[in-house]
N, C-alpha and C. Protein backbone atom coordinates (compact mmCIF):
# COMPACT_ATOMS: atom_id res chain seq x y z
N UNK A 1 -40.23 -35.93 -32.26
CA UNK A 1 -39.67 -34.75 -31.66
C UNK A 1 -38.87 -35.10 -30.40
N UNK A 2 -39.21 -36.18 -29.73
CA UNK A 2 -38.50 -36.54 -28.52
C UNK A 2 -37.06 -36.91 -28.79
N UNK A 3 -36.80 -37.49 -29.95
CA UNK A 3 -35.43 -37.87 -30.29
C UNK A 3 -34.54 -36.63 -30.41
N UNK A 4 -35.06 -35.60 -31.05
CA UNK A 4 -34.27 -34.38 -31.21
C UNK A 4 -34.06 -33.67 -29.88
N UNK A 5 -35.03 -33.78 -28.99
CA UNK A 5 -34.86 -33.23 -27.65
C UNK A 5 -33.75 -33.96 -26.92
N UNK A 6 -33.73 -35.27 -27.05
CA UNK A 6 -32.66 -36.06 -26.44
C UNK A 6 -31.29 -35.68 -27.02
N UNK A 7 -31.24 -35.49 -28.32
CA UNK A 7 -29.98 -35.07 -28.95
C UNK A 7 -29.49 -33.73 -28.43
N UNK A 8 -30.42 -32.83 -28.19
CA UNK A 8 -30.03 -31.51 -27.67
C UNK A 8 -29.65 -31.56 -26.20
N UNK A 9 -30.26 -32.45 -25.42
CA UNK A 9 -30.03 -32.48 -23.98
C UNK A 9 -28.80 -33.29 -23.60
N UNK A 10 -28.47 -34.33 -24.34
CA UNK A 10 -27.36 -35.21 -23.95
C UNK A 10 -26.49 -35.59 -25.13
N UNK A 11 -25.89 -34.64 -25.83
CA UNK A 11 -25.10 -35.01 -27.01
C UNK A 11 -23.81 -35.74 -26.66
N UNK A 12 -23.18 -35.36 -25.55
CA UNK A 12 -21.91 -36.00 -25.18
C UNK A 12 -22.11 -37.46 -24.78
N UNK A 13 -23.17 -37.74 -24.04
CA UNK A 13 -23.45 -39.10 -23.62
C UNK A 13 -23.80 -39.99 -24.81
N UNK A 14 -24.55 -39.45 -25.75
CA UNK A 14 -24.90 -40.22 -26.94
C UNK A 14 -23.68 -40.47 -27.82
N UNK A 15 -22.82 -39.49 -27.95
CA UNK A 15 -21.59 -39.68 -28.73
C UNK A 15 -20.69 -40.70 -28.06
N UNK A 16 -20.60 -40.66 -26.73
CA UNK A 16 -19.79 -41.63 -25.99
C UNK A 16 -20.29 -43.05 -26.25
N UNK A 17 -21.59 -43.25 -26.15
CA UNK A 17 -22.17 -44.58 -26.39
C UNK A 17 -21.98 -45.05 -27.82
N UNK A 18 -22.16 -44.15 -28.78
CA UNK A 18 -22.00 -44.53 -30.19
C UNK A 18 -20.56 -44.90 -30.50
N UNK A 19 -19.61 -44.12 -30.00
CA UNK A 19 -18.20 -44.42 -30.26
C UNK A 19 -17.79 -45.75 -29.63
N UNK A 20 -18.26 -46.03 -28.43
CA UNK A 20 -17.91 -47.30 -27.80
C UNK A 20 -18.60 -48.48 -28.50
N UNK A 21 -19.78 -48.27 -28.98
CA UNK A 21 -20.48 -49.32 -29.71
C UNK A 21 -19.75 -49.69 -30.99
N UNK A 22 -19.35 -48.69 -31.77
CA UNK A 22 -18.66 -48.97 -33.02
C UNK A 22 -17.21 -49.38 -32.78
N UNK A 23 -16.58 -48.88 -31.75
CA UNK A 23 -15.20 -49.24 -31.46
C UNK A 23 -15.04 -50.66 -30.95
N UNK A 24 -16.02 -51.14 -30.21
CA UNK A 24 -15.91 -52.49 -29.66
C UNK A 24 -16.22 -53.56 -30.69
N UNK A 25 -16.95 -53.22 -31.74
CA UNK A 25 -17.29 -54.23 -32.74
C UNK A 25 -16.05 -54.75 -33.45
N UNK A 26 -15.07 -53.90 -33.70
CA UNK A 26 -13.83 -54.35 -34.33
C UNK A 26 -13.08 -55.31 -33.41
N UNK A 27 -12.97 -54.98 -32.16
CA UNK A 27 -12.27 -55.84 -31.21
C UNK A 27 -12.96 -57.17 -31.03
N UNK A 28 -14.28 -57.17 -31.03
CA UNK A 28 -15.02 -58.41 -30.86
C UNK A 28 -14.82 -59.31 -32.08
N UNK A 29 -14.84 -58.76 -33.26
CA UNK A 29 -14.62 -59.54 -34.48
C UNK A 29 -13.22 -60.12 -34.50
N UNK A 30 -12.23 -59.34 -34.09
CA UNK A 30 -10.85 -59.81 -34.06
C UNK A 30 -10.70 -60.93 -33.05
N UNK A 31 -11.31 -60.81 -31.89
CA UNK A 31 -11.21 -61.83 -30.85
C UNK A 31 -11.85 -63.14 -31.30
N UNK A 32 -13.00 -63.06 -31.93
CA UNK A 32 -13.65 -64.26 -32.44
C UNK A 32 -12.79 -64.91 -33.52
N UNK A 33 -12.19 -64.10 -34.38
CA UNK A 33 -11.35 -64.63 -35.46
C UNK A 33 -10.13 -65.38 -34.91
N UNK A 34 -9.64 -64.97 -33.75
CA UNK A 34 -8.51 -65.67 -33.15
C UNK A 34 -8.87 -67.09 -32.72
N UNK A 35 -10.10 -67.29 -32.29
CA UNK A 35 -10.50 -68.57 -31.73
C UNK A 35 -11.24 -69.46 -32.72
N UNK A 36 -11.41 -69.05 -33.97
CA UNK A 36 -12.12 -69.86 -34.95
C UNK A 36 -11.46 -71.22 -35.16
N UNK A 37 -10.13 -71.34 -35.28
CA UNK A 37 -9.55 -72.67 -35.48
C UNK A 37 -9.83 -73.62 -34.30
N UNK A 38 -9.79 -73.10 -33.09
CA UNK A 38 -10.05 -73.94 -31.92
C UNK A 38 -11.52 -74.35 -31.84
N UNK A 39 -12.40 -73.43 -32.17
CA UNK A 39 -13.84 -73.74 -32.13
C UNK A 39 -14.19 -74.78 -33.21
N UNK A 40 -13.67 -74.59 -34.40
CA UNK A 40 -13.98 -75.54 -35.48
C UNK A 40 -13.35 -76.90 -35.21
N UNK A 41 -12.19 -76.94 -34.57
CA UNK A 41 -11.58 -78.22 -34.25
C UNK A 41 -12.36 -78.95 -33.16
N UNK A 42 -12.84 -78.22 -32.17
CA UNK A 42 -13.57 -78.87 -31.08
C UNK A 42 -14.95 -79.33 -31.54
N UNK A 43 -15.52 -78.69 -32.54
CA UNK A 43 -16.83 -79.10 -33.04
C UNK A 43 -16.72 -80.00 -34.27
N UNK A 44 -15.50 -80.33 -34.65
CA UNK A 44 -15.24 -81.19 -35.82
C UNK A 44 -15.92 -80.65 -37.07
N UNK A 45 -15.66 -79.38 -37.34
CA UNK A 45 -16.27 -78.77 -38.54
C UNK A 45 -15.33 -78.85 -39.71
């Protein structure tokens, strides 16, 4: 029941956090993909 109370009391803050969490995962994956050739070359993979 506490979870539903939190949803009722702070829906905007929870939506803000969820959107930023899912939005940043794409950027993080893209950034890592840019550096894969350099990382594999430096580690001799």
